[in-house]
Amino acid sequence: MSSEKETEKIIQELQIFEHNLHNLLLQKQAFQLELNETLNASEEVKKTRDEIYKVADNFMIRADKEAVLKELEEKEKVFKLRITTIEKQERLLEVKIKELQDEAKKILKPKKS
């Protein structure tokens, strides 16, 4: 394969991986926001001595404090797991991107006579 075609292929792969990495970072950010909201809600529920209400469909209904805390803890676990999974994928993509960048540099490096 000519170095020009090989370089073109590497650049296309790099663009795809960088796009995937960008999407992962957006997903991670969304999950982190959800996690923070869940943690804040959990703290507020723990602090209150009043009745607890939650939204179900388009209604606010009274809820058991312990049940709400358990539900929030489950959501927290799910968000943490998703963030951890995304971080693993992120690291794999970063390694692959680095490898492709190094490969492109070797191809583009001027040959010494």
N, C-alpha and C. Protein backbone atom coordinates (compact mmCIF):
# COMPACT_ATOMS: atom_id res chain seq x y z
N MET A 1 0.85 -1.18 0.00
CA MET A 1 0.00 0.00 0.00
C MET A 1 0.89 1.24 0.00
N SER A 2 0.53 2.24 -0.80
CA SER A 2 1.34 3.45 -0.85
C SER A 2 1.19 4.20 0.47
N SER A 3 2.22 4.97 0.80
CA SER A 3 2.19 5.69 2.07
C SER A 3 1.07 6.73 2.10
N GLU A 4 0.71 7.26 0.94
CA GLU A 4 -0.37 8.26 0.89
C GLU A 4 -1.72 7.61 1.24
N LYS A 5 -1.97 6.44 0.66
CA LYS A 5 -3.23 5.73 0.96
C LYS A 5 -3.24 5.24 2.40
N GLU A 6 -2.10 4.78 2.85
CA GLU A 6 -1.98 4.29 4.22
C GLU A 6 -2.24 5.44 5.21
N THR A 7 -1.68 6.59 4.93
CA THR A 7 -1.88 7.76 5.77
C THR A 7 -3.34 8.18 5.77
N GLU A 8 -3.96 8.16 4.61
CA GLU A 8 -5.37 8.51 4.48
C GLU A 8 -6.24 7.58 5.33
N LYS A 9 -5.92 6.28 5.26
CA LYS A 9 -6.67 5.28 6.03
C LYS A 9 -6.51 5.53 7.53
N ILE A 10 -5.30 5.82 7.95
CA ILE A 10 -5.03 6.09 9.36
C ILE A 10 -5.78 7.33 9.82
N ILE A 11 -5.79 8.36 9.00
CA ILE A 11 -6.49 9.60 9.35
C ILE A 11 -7.99 9.35 9.49
N GLN A 12 -8.54 8.55 8.59
CA GLN A 12 -9.97 8.22 8.68
C GLN A 12 -10.27 7.46 9.97
N GLU A 13 -9.41 6.50 10.29
CA GLU A 13 -9.58 5.74 11.53
C GLU A 13 -9.47 6.66 12.74
N LEU A 14 -8.51 7.56 12.72
CA LEU A 14 -8.33 8.51 13.82
C LEU A 14 -9.59 9.36 14.00
N GLN A 15 -10.15 9.83 12.90
CA GLN A 15 -11.36 10.64 12.98
C GLN A 15 -12.51 9.85 13.60
N ILE A 16 -12.65 8.60 13.21
CA ILE A 16 -13.71 7.76 13.76
C ILE A 16 -13.51 7.55 15.26
N PHE A 17 -12.28 7.22 15.65
CA PHE A 17 -12.00 6.99 17.07
C PHE A 17 -12.19 8.27 17.89
N GLU A 18 -11.76 9.39 17.33
CA GLU A 18 -11.92 10.66 18.05
C GLU A 18 -13.39 11.03 18.17
N HIS A 19 -14.18 10.73 17.15
CA HIS A 19 -15.62 10.96 17.21
C HIS A 19 -16.25 10.08 18.29
N ASN A 20 -15.85 8.82 18.32
CA ASN A 20 -16.35 7.89 19.34
C ASN A 20 -15.96 8.35 20.75
N LEU A 21 -14.73 8.82 20.88
CA LEU A 21 -14.26 9.32 22.17
C LEU A 21 -15.09 10.53 22.60
N HIS A 22 -15.36 11.43 21.67
CA HIS A 22 -16.17 12.61 21.96
C HIS A 22 -17.57 12.18 22.44
N ASN A 23 -18.18 11.21 21.76
CA ASN A 23 -19.50 10.72 22.16
C ASN A 23 -19.46 10.10 23.56
N LEU A 24 -18.41 9.35 23.83
CA LEU A 24 -18.27 8.75 25.16
C LEU A 24 -18.17 9.83 26.24
N LEU A 25 -17.41 10.87 25.95
CA LEU A 25 -17.24 11.95 26.92
C LEU A 25 -18.57 12.66 27.19
N LEU A 26 -19.38 12.82 26.14
CA LEU A 26 -20.71 13.42 26.32
C LEU A 26 -21.60 12.53 27.18
N GLN A 27 -21.56 11.22 26.92
CA GLN A 27 -22.34 10.28 27.73
C GLN A 27 -21.88 10.30 29.18
N LYS A 28 -20.58 10.31 29.37
CA LYS A 28 -20.01 10.32 30.72
C LYS A 28 -20.46 11.58 31.46
N GLN A 29 -20.41 12.71 30.78
CA GLN A 29 -20.82 13.97 31.39
C GLN A 29 -22.30 13.92 31.80
N ALA A 30 -23.15 13.36 30.93
CA ALA A 30 -24.57 13.24 31.24
C ALA A 30 -24.79 12.34 32.46
N PHE A 31 -24.08 11.23 32.52
CA PHE A 31 -24.22 10.32 33.67
C PHE A 31 -23.70 10.97 34.95
N GLN A 32 -22.62 11.75 34.83
CA GLN A 32 -22.09 12.43 36.01
C GLN A 32 -23.09 13.46 36.54
N LEU A 33 -23.77 14.16 35.63
CA LEU A 33 -24.81 15.10 36.05
C LEU A 33 -25.95 14.36 36.76
N GLU A 34 -26.37 13.25 36.18
CA GLU A 34 -27.43 12.45 36.80
C GLU A 34 -27.00 11.93 38.17
N LEU A 35 -25.75 11.50 38.26
CA LEU A 35 -25.23 11.01 39.53
C LEU A 35 -25.23 12.13 40.57
N ASN A 36 -24.78 13.31 40.18
CA ASN A 36 -24.76 14.43 41.12
C ASN A 36 -26.17 14.79 41.59
N GLU A 37 -27.13 14.79 40.68
CA GLU A 37 -28.52 15.07 41.05
C GLU A 37 -29.04 14.01 42.01
N THR A 38 -28.70 12.77 41.74
CA THR A 38 -29.14 11.67 42.61
C THR A 38 -28.52 11.80 44.00
N LEU A 39 -27.23 12.12 44.06
CA LEU A 39 -26.56 12.28 45.36
C LEU A 39 -27.15 13.45 46.13
N ASN A 40 -27.43 14.56 45.42
CA ASN A 40 -28.04 15.72 46.08
C ASN A 40 -29.43 15.38 46.60
N ALA A 41 -30.21 14.69 45.80
CA ALA A 41 -31.56 14.29 46.21
C ALA A 41 -31.48 13.38 47.44
N SER A 42 -30.55 12.47 47.42
CA SER A 42 -30.37 11.55 48.54
C SER A 42 -30.04 12.30 49.83
N GLU A 43 -29.15 13.27 49.73
CA GLU A 43 -28.78 14.08 50.90
C GLU A 43 -29.97 14.86 51.44
N GLU A 44 -30.77 15.42 50.54
CA GLU A 44 -31.95 16.17 50.96
C GLU A 44 -32.97 15.26 51.63
N VAL A 45 -33.16 14.09 51.09
CA VAL A 45 -34.11 13.14 51.69
C VAL A 45 -33.63 12.74 53.08
N LYS A 46 -32.34 12.50 53.23
CA LYS A 46 -31.79 12.10 54.54
C LYS A 46 -31.98 13.21 55.57
N LYS A 47 -31.86 14.46 55.14
CA LYS A 47 -31.96 15.60 56.06
C LYS A 47 -33.38 15.88 56.54
N THR A 48 -34.35 15.60 55.70
CA THR A 48 -35.71 16.02 56.01
C THR A 48 -36.39 15.12 57.04
N ARG A 49 -37.24 15.77 57.83
CA ARG A 49 -38.06 15.02 58.80
C ARG A 49 -39.52 15.08 58.37
N ASP A 50 -39.76 15.85 57.32
CA ASP A 50 -41.12 15.99 56.80
C ASP A 50 -41.48 14.80 55.94
N GLU A 51 -42.71 14.82 55.46
CA GLU A 51 -43.13 13.78 54.53
C GLU A 51 -42.37 13.92 53.22
N ILE A 52 -42.16 12.81 52.56
CA ILE A 52 -41.44 12.79 51.29
C ILE A 52 -42.45 12.62 50.17
N TYR A 53 -42.24 13.40 49.11
CA TYR A 53 -43.08 13.28 47.91
C TYR A 53 -42.18 13.04 46.72
N LYS A 54 -42.69 12.30 45.76
CA LYS A 54 -41.93 12.09 44.53
C LYS A 54 -42.87 12.20 43.35
N VAL A 55 -42.29 12.44 42.19
CA VAL A 55 -43.07 12.59 40.98
C VAL A 55 -43.25 11.21 40.35
N ALA A 56 -44.50 10.87 40.06
CA ALA A 56 -44.82 9.63 39.36
C ALA A 56 -45.76 10.01 38.23
N ASP A 57 -45.31 9.81 37.01
CA ASP A 57 -46.02 10.30 35.83
C ASP A 57 -46.10 11.82 35.95
N ASN A 58 -47.28 12.36 35.99
CA ASN A 58 -47.43 13.82 36.11
C ASN A 58 -47.97 14.22 37.48
N PHE A 59 -47.85 13.32 38.45
CA PHE A 59 -48.41 13.57 39.77
C PHE A 59 -47.32 13.51 40.82
N MET A 60 -47.53 14.27 41.89
CA MET A 60 -46.67 14.14 43.06
C MET A 60 -47.41 13.28 44.06
N ILE A 61 -46.73 12.24 44.51
CA ILE A 61 -47.36 11.34 45.47
C ILE A 61 -46.48 11.22 46.71
N ARG A 62 -47.12 10.94 47.83
CA ARG A 62 -46.36 10.73 49.06
C ARG A 62 -45.62 9.41 48.94
N ALA A 63 -44.40 9.38 49.45
CA ALA A 63 -43.59 8.17 49.34
C ALA A 63 -42.92 7.87 50.68
N ASP A 64 -42.59 6.62 50.87
CA ASP A 64 -41.86 6.19 52.06
C ASP A 64 -40.40 6.63 51.95
N LYS A 65 -39.92 7.29 52.99
CA LYS A 65 -38.55 7.82 52.99
C LYS A 65 -37.51 6.74 52.72
N GLU A 66 -37.64 5.60 53.38
CA GLU A 66 -36.67 4.51 53.21
C GLU A 66 -36.72 3.94 51.80
N ALA A 67 -37.92 3.84 51.24
CA ALA A 67 -38.05 3.33 49.87
C ALA A 67 -37.42 4.29 48.88
N VAL A 68 -37.61 5.58 49.10
CA VAL A 68 -37.01 6.59 48.22
C VAL A 68 -35.49 6.54 48.32
N LEU A 69 -34.97 6.42 49.54
CA LEU A 69 -33.51 6.33 49.72
C LEU A 69 -32.95 5.09 49.02
N LYS A 70 -33.65 3.98 49.14
CA LYS A 70 -33.20 2.75 48.50
C LYS A 70 -33.20 2.92 46.97
N GLU A 71 -34.24 3.53 46.46
CA GLU A 71 -34.34 3.79 45.02
C GLU A 71 -33.19 4.70 44.55
N LEU A 72 -32.90 5.73 45.33
CA LEU A 72 -31.81 6.65 44.97
C LEU A 72 -30.45 5.95 45.04
N GLU A 73 -30.27 5.06 46.02
CA GLU A 73 -29.01 4.30 46.13
C GLU A 73 -28.82 3.40 44.92
N GLU A 74 -29.90 2.77 44.46
CA GLU A 74 -29.83 1.92 43.27
C GLU A 74 -29.45 2.75 42.03
N LYS A 75 -30.09 3.91 41.90
CA LYS A 75 -29.76 4.78 40.77
C LYS A 75 -28.29 5.20 40.83
N GLU A 76 -27.81 5.50 42.03
CA GLU A 76 -26.40 5.89 42.21
C GLU A 76 -25.47 4.76 41.75
N LYS A 77 -25.78 3.54 42.13
CA LYS A 77 -24.95 2.39 41.73
C LYS A 77 -24.93 2.24 40.20
N VAL A 78 -26.09 2.38 39.59
CA VAL A 78 -26.18 2.25 38.13
C VAL A 78 -25.35 3.33 37.44
N PHE A 79 -25.48 4.58 37.89
CA PHE A 79 -24.72 5.67 37.26
C PHE A 79 -23.22 5.48 37.46
N LYS A 80 -22.80 5.05 38.64
CA LYS A 80 -21.38 4.82 38.89
C LYS A 80 -20.84 3.69 38.00
N LEU A 81 -21.64 2.65 37.84
CA LEU A 81 -21.23 1.54 36.98
C LEU A 81 -21.11 2.00 35.53
N ARG A 82 -22.08 2.76 35.06
CA ARG A 82 -22.01 3.26 33.69
C ARG A 82 -20.81 4.17 33.48
N ILE A 83 -20.52 5.03 34.44
CA ILE A 83 -19.37 5.92 34.34
C ILE A 83 -18.08 5.11 34.30
N THR A 84 -17.98 4.10 35.15
CA THR A 84 -16.78 3.24 35.17
C THR A 84 -16.60 2.53 33.82
N THR A 85 -17.69 2.03 33.27
CA THR A 85 -17.63 1.35 31.98
C THR A 85 -17.18 2.31 30.87
N ILE A 86 -17.73 3.50 30.89
CA ILE A 86 -17.34 4.50 29.89
C ILE A 86 -15.87 4.87 30.04
N GLU A 87 -15.40 5.00 31.28
CA GLU A 87 -13.99 5.33 31.50
C GLU A 87 -13.06 4.25 30.96
N LYS A 88 -13.47 2.99 31.08
CA LYS A 88 -12.67 1.89 30.51
C LYS A 88 -12.63 2.00 28.99
N GLN A 89 -13.80 2.25 28.38
CA GLN A 89 -13.85 2.41 26.92
C GLN A 89 -13.02 3.62 26.49
N GLU A 90 -13.09 4.67 27.28
CA GLU A 90 -12.33 5.89 27.00
C GLU A 90 -10.84 5.60 26.98
N ARG A 91 -10.36 4.87 27.97
CA ARG A 91 -8.92 4.53 28.02
C ARG A 91 -8.50 3.68 26.82
N LEU A 92 -9.34 2.72 26.45
CA LEU A 92 -9.03 1.88 25.28
C LEU A 92 -8.95 2.72 24.01
N LEU A 93 -9.90 3.62 23.84
CA LEU A 93 -9.88 4.49 22.65
C LEU A 93 -8.66 5.40 22.65
N GLU A 94 -8.31 5.94 23.81
CA GLU A 94 -7.13 6.82 23.90
C GLU A 94 -5.86 6.07 23.51
N VAL A 95 -5.75 4.81 23.93
CA VAL A 95 -4.58 4.00 23.56
C VAL A 95 -4.56 3.78 22.05
N LYS A 96 -5.70 3.42 21.49
CA LYS A 96 -5.79 3.18 20.04
C LYS A 96 -5.48 4.45 19.25
N ILE A 97 -5.98 5.59 19.72
CA ILE A 97 -5.70 6.87 19.06
C ILE A 97 -4.20 7.17 19.09
N LYS A 98 -3.58 6.95 20.24
CA LYS A 98 -2.13 7.19 20.38
C LYS A 98 -1.36 6.29 19.42
N GLU A 99 -1.76 5.02 19.34
CA GLU A 99 -1.07 4.08 18.43
C GLU A 99 -1.19 4.55 16.98
N LEU A 100 -2.37 4.98 16.59
CA LEU A 100 -2.58 5.45 15.22
C LEU A 100 -1.79 6.74 14.94
N GLN A 101 -1.75 7.63 15.92
CA GLN A 101 -0.97 8.85 15.75
C GLN A 101 0.51 8.54 15.57
N ASP A 102 1.02 7.61 16.38
CA ASP A 102 2.42 7.21 16.25
C ASP A 102 2.69 6.58 14.89
N GLU A 103 1.75 5.75 14.44
CA GLU A 103 1.88 5.11 13.13
C GLU A 103 1.90 6.16 12.01
N ALA A 104 1.03 7.15 12.12
CA ALA A 104 0.96 8.21 11.11
C ALA A 104 2.26 9.02 11.10
N LYS A 105 2.81 9.29 12.28
CA LYS A 105 4.07 10.04 12.38
C LYS A 105 5.21 9.30 11.69
N LYS A 106 5.23 7.97 11.87
CA LYS A 106 6.28 7.17 11.23
C LYS A 106 6.18 7.25 9.71
N ILE A 107 4.95 7.18 9.22
CA ILE A 107 4.74 7.22 7.76
C ILE A 107 5.10 8.59 7.21
N LEU A 108 4.71 9.64 7.94
CA LEU A 108 4.91 11.00 7.45
C LEU A 108 6.32 11.53 7.71
N LYS A 109 7.06 10.83 8.56
CA LYS A 109 8.43 11.26 8.90
C LYS A 109 9.28 11.22 7.63
N PRO A 110 9.97 12.33 7.33
CA PRO A 110 10.80 12.34 6.12
C PRO A 110 11.90 11.27 6.21
N LYS A 111 12.04 10.56 5.10
CA LYS A 111 13.05 9.50 5.06
C LYS A 111 14.42 10.13 4.80
N LYS A 112 15.41 9.70 5.58
CA LYS A 112 16.77 10.19 5.42
C LYS A 112 17.50 9.33 4.42
N SER A 113 18.29 9.96 3.57
CA SER A 113 19.03 9.20 2.56
C SER A 113 20.37 8.81 3.06
